Amino acid sequence: AQRLVQEYIALSGTNTSSPRIGIFYGSDTGNTEAVARKIANQLSKTFDIHIQDIAETSKENMESFEVLLLGASTWFYGEL
C-alpha cells in the first residue's frame, strides 16, 4: 500500500510528500476493519493517516483528504 500511495503522489503532481490519507471501511463481521487497521498501521509510519467507519462519516469529511483508501466487505466469493 505504501508504494501505491507514493506512486499516486508522483503521478498526481501533489505538492506535498506526506498527503492526508483517509482510510474508510465498511465491515459487517470486523474483517475489513481489521485489514484497514493493519494498512493504517503500516502507512502511519510514513504518512498522515486517518481511519474511520464509512457509516460514521460525511462527504465533507472525505473531501478533506488528498488520498482515499476504501475497503468494503464481501460475501461468499467476493460478491458485494
N, C-alpha and C. Protein backbone atom coordinates (compact mmCIF):
# COMPACT_ATOMS: atom_id res chain seq x y z
N ALA A 1 0.82 -1.19 0.00
CA ALA A 1 0.00 0.00 0.00
C ALA A 1 0.87 1.26 0.00
N GLN A 2 1.98 1.20 0.72
CA GLN A 2 2.85 2.38 0.80
C GLN A 2 3.39 2.74 -0.58
N ARG A 3 3.81 1.75 -1.34
CA ARG A 3 4.33 2.00 -2.68
C ARG A 3 3.26 2.60 -3.58
N LEU A 4 2.02 2.10 -3.48
CA LEU A 4 0.93 2.63 -4.30
C LEU A 4 0.67 4.09 -3.97
N VAL A 5 0.70 4.45 -2.69
CA VAL A 5 0.48 5.84 -2.30
C VAL A 5 1.61 6.71 -2.85
N GLN A 6 2.84 6.24 -2.75
CA GLN A 6 3.97 7.01 -3.27
C GLN A 6 3.86 7.19 -4.79
N GLU A 7 3.42 6.16 -5.50
CA GLU A 7 3.24 6.27 -6.95
C GLU A 7 2.13 7.27 -7.27
N TYR A 8 1.06 7.25 -6.48
CA TYR A 8 -0.03 8.21 -6.68
C TYR A 8 0.48 9.64 -6.53
N ILE A 9 1.26 9.87 -5.49
CA ILE A 9 1.81 11.21 -5.24
C ILE A 9 2.63 11.67 -6.43
N ALA A 10 3.47 10.78 -6.95
CA ALA A 10 4.31 11.12 -8.09
C ALA A 10 3.47 11.43 -9.33
N LEU A 11 2.45 10.64 -9.58
CA LEU A 11 1.62 10.82 -10.78
C LEU A 11 0.66 11.99 -10.67
N SER A 12 0.21 12.29 -9.47
CA SER A 12 -0.81 13.34 -9.32
C SER A 12 -0.23 14.74 -9.32
N GLY A 13 1.07 14.85 -9.12
CA GLY A 13 1.67 16.17 -9.06
C GLY A 13 1.35 16.91 -7.79
N THR A 14 0.95 16.16 -6.77
CA THR A 14 0.63 16.77 -5.48
C THR A 14 1.87 17.46 -4.91
N ASN A 15 1.69 18.59 -4.26
CA ASN A 15 2.81 19.38 -3.78
C ASN A 15 3.32 18.97 -2.41
N THR A 16 2.78 17.93 -1.85
CA THR A 16 3.21 17.50 -0.52
C THR A 16 3.78 16.09 -0.58
N SER A 17 4.81 15.84 0.19
CA SER A 17 5.37 14.50 0.23
C SER A 17 4.63 13.63 1.24
N SER A 18 3.78 14.25 2.06
CA SER A 18 3.02 13.50 3.05
C SER A 18 1.56 13.97 3.04
N PRO A 19 0.79 13.51 2.05
CA PRO A 19 -0.61 13.94 1.96
C PRO A 19 -1.44 13.35 3.10
N ARG A 20 -2.56 13.99 3.40
CA ARG A 20 -3.50 13.42 4.36
C ARG A 20 -4.22 12.27 3.67
N ILE A 21 -4.17 11.11 4.30
CA ILE A 21 -4.77 9.91 3.73
C ILE A 21 -5.91 9.46 4.62
N GLY A 22 -7.08 9.30 4.02
CA GLY A 22 -8.25 8.80 4.74
C GLY A 22 -8.51 7.36 4.35
N ILE A 23 -8.57 6.49 5.34
CA ILE A 23 -8.93 5.10 5.12
C ILE A 23 -10.34 4.92 5.66
N PHE A 24 -11.25 4.59 4.77
CA PHE A 24 -12.65 4.41 5.14
C PHE A 24 -13.04 2.97 4.83
N TYR A 25 -13.70 2.32 5.78
CA TYR A 25 -14.03 0.91 5.60
C TYR A 25 -15.50 0.68 5.96
N GLY A 26 -16.06 -0.34 5.35
CA GLY A 26 -17.39 -0.83 5.71
C GLY A 26 -17.22 -2.29 6.07
N SER A 27 -17.62 -2.66 7.28
CA SER A 27 -17.34 -4.01 7.76
C SER A 27 -18.54 -4.57 8.50
N ASP A 28 -18.96 -5.77 8.13
CA ASP A 28 -20.07 -6.43 8.82
C ASP A 28 -19.56 -7.33 9.95
N THR A 29 -18.50 -8.06 9.68
CA THR A 29 -18.01 -9.04 10.65
C THR A 29 -16.74 -8.57 11.36
N GLY A 30 -16.17 -7.46 10.91
CA GLY A 30 -14.95 -6.96 11.53
C GLY A 30 -13.68 -7.27 10.74
N ASN A 31 -13.78 -8.12 9.73
CA ASN A 31 -12.58 -8.47 8.95
C ASN A 31 -12.05 -7.30 8.14
N THR A 32 -12.93 -6.56 7.48
CA THR A 32 -12.49 -5.41 6.68
C THR A 32 -11.90 -4.33 7.59
N GLU A 33 -12.49 -4.14 8.75
CA GLU A 33 -11.94 -3.18 9.70
C GLU A 33 -10.54 -3.60 10.15
N ALA A 34 -10.35 -4.89 10.41
CA ALA A 34 -9.04 -5.38 10.85
C ALA A 34 -7.98 -5.15 9.77
N VAL A 35 -8.33 -5.40 8.52
CA VAL A 35 -7.38 -5.18 7.42
C VAL A 35 -7.09 -3.69 7.27
N ALA A 36 -8.14 -2.86 7.37
CA ALA A 36 -7.94 -1.40 7.28
C ALA A 36 -7.00 -0.92 8.37
N ARG A 37 -7.14 -1.45 9.57
CA ARG A 37 -6.26 -1.05 10.68
C ARG A 37 -4.82 -1.50 10.44
N LYS A 38 -4.63 -2.66 9.85
CA LYS A 38 -3.27 -3.13 9.53
C LYS A 38 -2.63 -2.22 8.49
N ILE A 39 -3.40 -1.84 7.47
CA ILE A 39 -2.88 -0.93 6.45
C ILE A 39 -2.56 0.42 7.07
N ALA A 40 -3.45 0.92 7.91
CA ALA A 40 -3.22 2.21 8.58
C ALA A 40 -1.97 2.16 9.44
N ASN A 41 -1.77 1.08 10.14
CA ASN A 41 -0.60 0.93 10.99
C ASN A 41 0.69 1.02 10.18
N GLN A 42 0.72 0.37 9.04
CA GLN A 42 1.91 0.41 8.19
C GLN A 42 2.12 1.78 7.57
N LEU A 43 1.06 2.36 7.04
CA LEU A 43 1.19 3.65 6.37
C LEU A 43 1.46 4.79 7.34
N SER A 44 1.04 4.65 8.60
CA SER A 44 1.22 5.74 9.56
C SER A 44 2.69 5.97 9.91
N LYS A 45 3.55 5.05 9.53
CA LYS A 45 4.98 5.22 9.75
C LYS A 45 5.55 6.29 8.83
N THR A 46 4.85 6.55 7.72
CA THR A 46 5.33 7.49 6.71
C THR A 46 4.36 8.63 6.44
N PHE A 47 3.06 8.36 6.55
CA PHE A 47 2.04 9.32 6.13
C PHE A 47 1.11 9.72 7.28
N ASP A 48 0.38 10.81 7.07
CA ASP A 48 -0.64 11.29 8.00
C ASP A 48 -1.93 10.52 7.71
N ILE A 49 -2.25 9.54 8.54
CA ILE A 49 -3.35 8.61 8.28
C ILE A 49 -4.51 8.85 9.24
N HIS A 50 -5.73 8.79 8.68
CA HIS A 50 -6.95 8.86 9.47
C HIS A 50 -7.82 7.69 9.03
N ILE A 51 -8.34 6.94 9.99
CA ILE A 51 -9.16 5.77 9.67
C ILE A 51 -10.55 5.93 10.29
N GLN A 52 -11.58 5.54 9.53
CA GLN A 52 -12.94 5.73 10.02
C GLN A 52 -13.91 4.78 9.34
N ASP A 53 -14.91 4.34 10.08
CA ASP A 53 -16.01 3.56 9.53
C ASP A 53 -16.80 4.46 8.58
N ILE A 54 -17.03 3.99 7.37
CA ILE A 54 -17.72 4.79 6.35
C ILE A 54 -19.13 5.19 6.81
N ALA A 55 -19.75 4.37 7.66
CA ALA A 55 -21.10 4.66 8.14
C ALA A 55 -21.12 5.85 9.08
N GLU A 56 -19.97 6.24 9.59
CA GLU A 56 -19.90 7.32 10.57
C GLU A 56 -19.20 8.57 10.03
N THR A 57 -19.20 8.74 8.72
CA THR A 57 -18.51 9.89 8.14
C THR A 57 -19.45 10.67 7.24
N SER A 58 -18.95 11.77 6.75
CA SER A 58 -19.73 12.62 5.84
C SER A 58 -18.94 12.86 4.56
N LYS A 59 -19.63 13.31 3.56
CA LYS A 59 -18.99 13.66 2.28
C LYS A 59 -17.92 14.72 2.52
N GLU A 60 -18.22 15.70 3.34
CA GLU A 60 -17.28 16.79 3.61
C GLU A 60 -16.01 16.27 4.28
N ASN A 61 -16.18 15.32 5.19
CA ASN A 61 -15.01 14.73 5.85
C ASN A 61 -14.13 14.02 4.82
N MET A 62 -14.73 13.25 3.94
CA MET A 62 -13.96 12.51 2.93
C MET A 62 -13.25 13.47 1.98
N GLU A 63 -13.89 14.59 1.67
CA GLU A 63 -13.30 15.56 0.74
C GLU A 63 -12.08 16.27 1.34
N SER A 64 -11.84 16.14 2.63
CA SER A 64 -10.73 16.83 3.27
C SER A 64 -9.39 16.09 3.10
N PHE A 65 -9.41 14.94 2.45
CA PHE A 65 -8.20 14.14 2.27
C PHE A 65 -7.70 14.23 0.84
N GLU A 66 -6.38 14.19 0.68
CA GLU A 66 -5.80 14.17 -0.66
C GLU A 66 -5.87 12.77 -1.28
N VAL A 67 -5.81 11.75 -0.43
CA VAL A 67 -5.84 10.36 -0.89
C VAL A 67 -6.89 9.61 -0.07
N LEU A 68 -7.73 8.82 -0.77
CA LEU A 68 -8.73 7.98 -0.11
C LEU A 68 -8.43 6.52 -0.39
N LEU A 69 -8.47 5.71 0.65
CA LEU A 69 -8.41 4.26 0.51
C LEU A 69 -9.73 3.73 1.05
N LEU A 70 -10.43 2.95 0.24
CA LEU A 70 -11.75 2.46 0.62
C LEU A 70 -11.74 0.95 0.71
N GLY A 71 -12.33 0.43 1.77
CA GLY A 71 -12.44 -1.02 1.93
C GLY A 71 -13.88 -1.40 2.15
N ALA A 72 -14.35 -2.40 1.41
CA ALA A 72 -15.73 -2.86 1.54
C ALA A 72 -15.74 -4.37 1.75
N SER A 73 -16.63 -4.81 2.60
CA SER A 73 -16.74 -6.25 2.85
C SER A 73 -17.44 -6.92 1.69
N THR A 74 -17.20 -8.21 1.56
CA THR A 74 -17.85 -9.02 0.53
C THR A 74 -18.44 -10.26 1.16
N TRP A 75 -19.29 -10.93 0.42
CA TRP A 75 -19.88 -12.19 0.86
C TRP A 75 -19.45 -13.30 -0.10
N PHE A 76 -19.37 -14.50 0.38
CA PHE A 76 -19.08 -15.70 -0.39
C PHE A 76 -17.79 -15.53 -1.18
N TYR A 77 -17.84 -15.45 -2.49
CA TYR A 77 -16.65 -15.40 -3.33
C TYR A 77 -16.43 -14.00 -3.89
N GLY A 78 -16.52 -12.98 -3.05
CA GLY A 78 -16.26 -11.63 -3.48
C GLY A 78 -17.46 -10.85 -3.93
N GLU A 79 -18.67 -11.36 -3.65
CA GLU A 79 -19.88 -10.63 -4.01
C GLU A 79 -20.07 -9.45 -3.08
N LEU A 80 -20.42 -8.29 -3.64
CA LEU A 80 -20.63 -7.10 -2.82
C LEU A 80 -22.04 -7.02 -2.31
